[in-house]
């Protein structure tokens, strides 16, 4: 294990790669130098704060309630993050938070219910974080897609309503299209894993000296959980948003076009 503890000298040396990126930005006049430096510094501060906090939360003597409190904070923060990325979507904060909560409940129930991983602080926090992190982008995507579809094809939806279809039936083709669009990136990522890129969990385990096959089994379980989490989150977001876009008497509400 000591072979993979790079220490502060190793972290400092890795800044050479940031310097290369900054140099390329200056050379090509990309005007990204300040953004690169700020993102690098911000990442360092955030990760260090999280690292020290996790050291306290994951201490063997710490109460497990601190772990669950951390998960709750992640869910709420994810709701705020989703809202900041798609402010034009009605009720996005509540829908995003509910979607993330559903993802955590479903994912952790499967993980610990079937004893895939032991129920400990060191597994609860990182696994919940991975499920939430991978689901947020898909939630924003499906929300924007639904608003865009309903805005562009409002006449078609209202024509279907005029024919006597309920709001759920009238909107189903457009919701289905939005769900497919939001799920495809994760499906393609799952297809490419191992052949095109080595994912983070597997890479970390291999660098830590874990047997490659054991690392693969852990990564496979995580990839399957992520795919299920993304599918769960986009479904909750998609169906919840669709209900909000119609009145109780199946009339379509005015909606704003998603900005890009």
Protein backbone atom coordinates (compact mmCIF):
# COMPACT_ATOMS: atom_id res chain seq x y z
CA UNK A 1 0.00 0.00 0.00
CA UNK A 2 2.88 2.39 0.77
CA UNK A 3 4.00 2.26 -2.89
CA UNK A 4 0.85 4.15 -3.88
CA UNK A 5 1.02 6.85 -1.19
CA UNK A 6 2.39 9.67 -3.33
CA UNK A 7 2.46 12.28 -0.55
CA UNK A 8 2.51 16.04 -0.91
CA UNK A 9 5.65 15.99 -3.06
CA UNK A 10 3.84 13.77 -5.54
CA UNK A 11 0.81 16.04 -5.59
CA UNK A 12 3.06 19.06 -6.12
CA UNK A 13 4.89 17.31 -8.95
CA UNK A 14 1.59 16.49 -10.66
CA UNK A 15 1.01 20.24 -11.01
CA UNK A 16 3.46 20.04 -13.90
CA UNK A 17 0.56 18.65 -15.92
CA UNK A 18 -1.55 21.68 -15.02
CA UNK A 19 1.34 23.90 -16.07
CA UNK A 20 1.42 22.10 -19.43
CA UNK A 21 -2.32 22.71 -19.88
CA UNK A 22 -1.87 26.38 -18.99
CA UNK A 23 1.04 26.66 -21.41
CA UNK A 24 -1.02 25.20 -24.23
CA UNK A 25 -3.85 27.60 -23.43
CA UNK A 26 -1.47 30.57 -23.58
CA UNK A 27 0.16 29.31 -26.76
CA UNK A 28 -3.14 28.87 -28.58
CA UNK A 29 -4.70 31.97 -26.96
CA UNK A 30 -7.66 29.94 -25.63
CA UNK A 31 -8.24 32.40 -22.78
CA UNK A 32 -8.71 29.50 -20.36
CA UNK A 33 -5.67 30.12 -18.16
CA UNK A 34 -7.54 31.75 -15.30
CA UNK A 35 -10.27 29.11 -15.46
CA UNK A 36 -7.72 26.28 -15.33
CA UNK A 37 -5.86 27.76 -12.38
CA UNK A 38 -9.06 28.54 -10.48
CA UNK A 39 -10.55 25.08 -11.09
CA UNK A 40 -7.30 23.41 -9.96
CA UNK A 41 -7.11 25.48 -6.79
CA UNK A 42 -10.81 25.03 -6.04
CA UNK A 43 -10.56 21.26 -6.53
CA UNK A 44 -7.63 21.11 -4.11
CA UNK A 45 -9.45 23.09 -1.40
CA UNK A 46 -12.71 21.17 -1.81
CA UNK A 47 -11.06 17.75 -1.78
CA UNK A 48 -8.89 18.59 1.21
CA UNK A 49 -11.90 19.81 3.18
CA UNK A 50 -13.84 16.69 2.22
CA UNK A 51 -10.87 14.49 3.08
CA UNK A 52 -10.50 15.90 6.58
CA UNK A 53 -14.27 15.79 7.11
CA UNK A 54 -14.46 12.19 5.93
CA UNK A 55 -11.63 11.27 8.27
CA UNK A 56 -13.86 12.36 11.16
CA UNK A 57 -17.10 10.89 9.79
CA UNK A 58 -15.59 7.53 8.86
CA UNK A 59 -13.69 7.11 12.11
CA UNK A 60 -14.53 3.76 13.69
CA UNK A 61 -15.57 5.54 16.88
CA UNK A 62 -17.87 8.01 15.11
CA UNK A 63 -21.65 7.53 15.19
CA UNK A 64 -23.19 6.08 12.03
CA UNK A 65 -25.70 8.96 12.12
CA UNK A 66 -22.95 11.30 10.93
CA UNK A 67 -22.61 9.14 7.83
CA UNK A 68 -26.33 9.33 7.05
CA UNK A 69 -26.31 13.07 7.73
CA UNK A 70 -23.55 13.38 5.13
CA UNK A 71 -25.72 11.50 2.62
CA UNK A 72 -28.68 13.81 3.33
CA UNK A 73 -26.46 16.85 2.74
CA UNK A 74 -25.32 15.36 -0.59
CA UNK A 75 -28.93 14.83 -1.68
CA UNK A 76 -29.96 18.40 -0.83
CA UNK A 77 -26.82 19.88 -2.41
CA UNK A 78 -27.49 17.83 -5.54
CA UNK A 79 -30.98 19.35 -5.69
CA UNK A 80 -29.49 22.85 -5.56
CA UNK A 81 -26.92 21.92 -8.21
CA UNK A 82 -29.61 20.62 -10.56
CA UNK A 83 -31.63 23.80 -10.06
CA UNK A 84 -28.61 25.99 -10.81
CA UNK A 85 -28.08 24.15 -14.10
CA UNK A 86 -31.71 24.29 -15.26
CA UNK A 87 -33.43 27.23 -13.58
CA UNK A 88 -36.04 27.46 -16.34
CA UNK A 89 -37.56 24.09 -15.49
CA UNK A 90 -40.57 24.46 -13.16
CA UNK A 91 -40.19 22.83 -9.75
CA UNK A 92 -36.71 21.59 -10.64
CA UNK A 93 -35.30 21.77 -7.10
CA UNK A 94 -38.02 19.58 -5.56
CA UNK A 95 -38.02 17.16 -8.50
CA UNK A 96 -34.24 16.93 -8.48
CA UNK A 97 -34.09 16.34 -4.75
CA UNK A 98 -36.79 13.66 -4.91
CA UNK A 99 -34.97 12.00 -7.82
CA UNK A 100 -31.69 11.91 -5.88
CA UNK A 101 -33.44 10.62 -2.76
CA UNK A 102 -35.06 7.85 -4.79
CA UNK A 103 -31.71 6.93 -6.33
CA UNK A 104 -30.04 6.67 -2.92
CA UNK A 105 -32.86 4.64 -1.37
CA UNK A 106 -33.12 2.20 -4.30
CA UNK A 107 -29.36 1.85 -4.84
CA UNK A 108 -28.37 1.41 -1.21
CA UNK A 109 -31.27 -0.99 -0.66
CA UNK A 110 -29.92 -3.21 -3.43
CA UNK A 111 -26.29 -2.81 -2.37
CA UNK A 112 -26.82 -3.67 1.27
CA UNK A 113 -29.94 -5.80 0.91
CA UNK A 114 -28.06 -8.27 -1.27
CA UNK A 115 -24.79 -7.82 0.67
CA UNK A 116 -22.90 -6.61 -2.39
CA UNK A 117 -20.86 -4.35 -0.12
CA UNK A 118 -20.71 -4.29 3.70
CA UNK A 119 -22.90 -1.64 5.31
CA UNK A 120 -20.23 0.66 6.70
CA UNK A 121 -19.43 4.34 6.58
CA UNK A 122 -16.57 3.74 4.16
CA UNK A 123 -19.00 2.21 1.65
CA UNK A 124 -22.17 4.27 2.27
CA UNK A 125 -20.67 7.70 1.59
CA UNK A 126 -18.63 7.00 -1.57
CA UNK A 127 -21.27 4.75 -3.15
CA UNK A 128 -24.06 7.24 -2.49
CA UNK A 129 -21.83 9.97 -3.91
CA UNK A 130 -21.19 8.01 -7.10
CA UNK A 131 -24.88 7.28 -7.63
CA UNK A 132 -25.87 10.90 -7.06
CA UNK A 133 -23.01 12.37 -9.08
CA UNK A 134 -23.71 10.25 -12.14
CA UNK A 135 -27.47 10.87 -11.94
CA UNK A 136 -27.42 14.66 -11.69
CA UNK A 137 -26.34 15.34 -15.27
CA UNK A 138 -28.90 12.91 -16.65
CA UNK A 139 -31.66 14.57 -14.60
CA UNK A 140 -30.79 17.97 -16.04
CA UNK A 141 -30.65 16.49 -19.53
CA UNK A 142 -34.05 14.79 -19.35
CA UNK A 143 -35.62 17.91 -17.82
CA UNK A 144 -34.31 20.17 -20.55
CA UNK A 145 -35.27 17.66 -23.20
CA UNK A 146 -38.87 17.37 -22.00
CA UNK A 147 -39.31 21.15 -21.80
CA UNK A 148 -37.79 21.47 -25.26
CA UNK A 149 -39.96 18.73 -26.75
CA UNK A 150 -43.16 20.11 -25.26
CA UNK A 151 -42.28 23.65 -26.35
CA UNK A 152 -41.44 22.66 -29.94
CA UNK A 153 -44.35 20.25 -30.32
CA UNK A 154 -46.99 21.95 -28.23
CA UNK A 155 -49.45 21.93 -31.16
CA UNK A 156 -49.04 18.16 -31.56
CA UNK A 157 -49.56 17.53 -27.85
CA UNK A 158 -52.66 19.74 -27.75
CA UNK A 159 -54.03 18.04 -30.86
CA UNK A 160 -53.67 14.67 -29.14
CA UNK A 161 -55.44 16.10 -26.09
CA UNK A 162 -58.23 17.40 -28.34
CA UNK A 163 -58.74 13.87 -29.64
CA UNK A 164 -59.60 12.77 -26.12
CA UNK A 165 -56.27 11.39 -24.93
CA UNK A 166 -55.27 11.93 -21.32
CA UNK A 167 -52.24 14.08 -20.57
CA UNK A 168 -50.11 11.00 -19.86
CA UNK A 169 -51.11 9.34 -23.15
CA UNK A 170 -50.76 12.53 -25.17
CA UNK A 171 -47.27 13.21 -23.83
CA UNK A 172 -45.98 9.63 -23.80
CA UNK A 173 -44.07 9.66 -27.17
CA UNK A 174 -42.23 12.85 -26.23
CA UNK A 175 -41.43 11.70 -22.72
CA UNK A 176 -40.18 8.39 -24.09
CA UNK A 177 -37.89 10.25 -26.51
CA UNK A 178 -36.52 12.41 -23.69
CA UNK A 179 -35.85 9.39 -21.47
CA UNK A 180 -34.02 7.61 -24.29
CA UNK A 181 -31.88 10.69 -24.94
CA UNK A 182 -30.92 10.98 -21.27
CA UNK A 183 -30.08 7.29 -20.91
CA UNK A 184 -28.05 6.79 -24.09
CA UNK A 185 -24.83 8.50 -22.82
CA UNK A 186 -24.67 6.21 -19.77
CA UNK A 187 -25.44 3.16 -21.89
CA UNK A 188 -22.65 4.06 -24.32
CA UNK A 189 -20.28 4.71 -21.42
CA UNK A 190 -21.08 1.26 -20.02
CA UNK A 191 -20.39 -0.31 -23.41
CA UNK A 192 -16.99 1.36 -23.71
CA UNK A 193 -15.72 0.59 -20.22
CA UNK A 194 -12.56 -1.52 -20.25
CA UNK A 195 -12.00 -1.23 -24.00
CA UNK A 196 -11.79 2.54 -24.39
CA UNK A 197 -11.09 3.63 -20.82
CA UNK A 198 -10.47 2.21 -17.36
CA UNK A 199 -12.97 3.68 -14.89
CA UNK A 200 -11.96 5.41 -11.67
CA UNK A 201 -12.82 2.76 -9.10
CA UNK A 202 -10.95 0.03 -10.94
CA UNK A 203 -7.96 2.28 -11.59
CA UNK A 204 -7.81 3.27 -7.92
CA UNK A 205 -7.95 -0.32 -6.75
CA UNK A 206 -5.26 -1.43 -9.20
CA UNK A 207 -3.02 1.46 -8.11
CA UNK A 208 -3.63 0.42 -4.50
CA UNK A 209 -2.27 -3.04 -5.27
CA UNK A 210 -5.57 -4.99 -5.42
CA UNK A 211 -5.66 -7.99 -7.76
CA UNK A 212 -6.86 -6.90 -11.21
CA UNK A 213 -9.70 -9.44 -11.37
CA UNK A 214 -10.92 -8.41 -7.91
CA UNK A 215 -10.80 -4.78 -9.04
CA UNK A 216 -12.87 -5.71 -12.10
CA UNK A 217 -15.61 -7.35 -10.03
CA UNK A 218 -15.92 -4.25 -7.85
CA UNK A 219 -16.02 -2.00 -10.92
CA UNK A 220 -18.65 -4.15 -12.62
CA UNK A 221 -20.93 -3.94 -9.59
CA UNK A 222 -20.48 -0.17 -9.49
CA UNK A 223 -21.12 0.25 -13.23
CA UNK A 224 -24.33 -1.76 -13.02
CA UNK A 225 -25.44 0.26 -10.00
CA UNK A 226 -24.71 3.53 -11.80
CA UNK A 227 -26.69 2.46 -14.86
CA UNK A 228 -29.64 1.52 -12.67
CA UNK A 229 -29.33 4.77 -10.73
CA UNK A 230 -29.34 6.90 -13.85
CA UNK A 231 -32.36 5.03 -15.21
CA UNK A 232 -34.19 5.52 -11.91
CA UNK A 233 -33.38 9.22 -11.65
CA UNK A 234 -34.36 10.14 -15.22
CA UNK A 235 -37.63 8.22 -14.89
CA UNK A 236 -38.58 9.97 -11.65
CA UNK A 237 -37.58 13.35 -13.09
CA UNK A 238 -39.28 12.74 -16.44
CA UNK A 239 -42.59 11.51 -15.09
CA UNK A 240 -42.67 14.06 -12.28
CA UNK A 241 -41.95 16.98 -14.61
CA UNK A 242 -44.55 15.80 -17.12
CA UNK A 243 -47.23 15.80 -14.43
CA UNK A 244 -46.28 19.36 -13.49
CA UNK A 245 -46.68 20.56 -17.08
CA UNK A 246 -50.38 19.64 -17.16
CA UNK A 247 -53.30 20.85 -15.07
CA UNK A 248 -55.63 18.48 -13.22
CA UNK A 249 -58.11 18.73 -16.11
CA UNK A 250 -55.43 17.64 -18.64
CA UNK A 251 -54.64 21.06 -20.06
CA UNK A 252 -51.09 21.93 -20.98
CA UNK A 253 -49.60 24.76 -18.92
CA UNK A 254 -47.50 27.57 -20.43
CA UNK A 255 -43.84 26.60 -20.30
CA UNK A 256 -40.55 28.34 -21.05
CA UNK A 257 -38.22 27.00 -23.70
CA UNK A 258 -35.08 25.41 -22.22
CA UNK A 259 -32.02 27.57 -22.71
CA UNK A 260 -28.77 26.06 -24.00
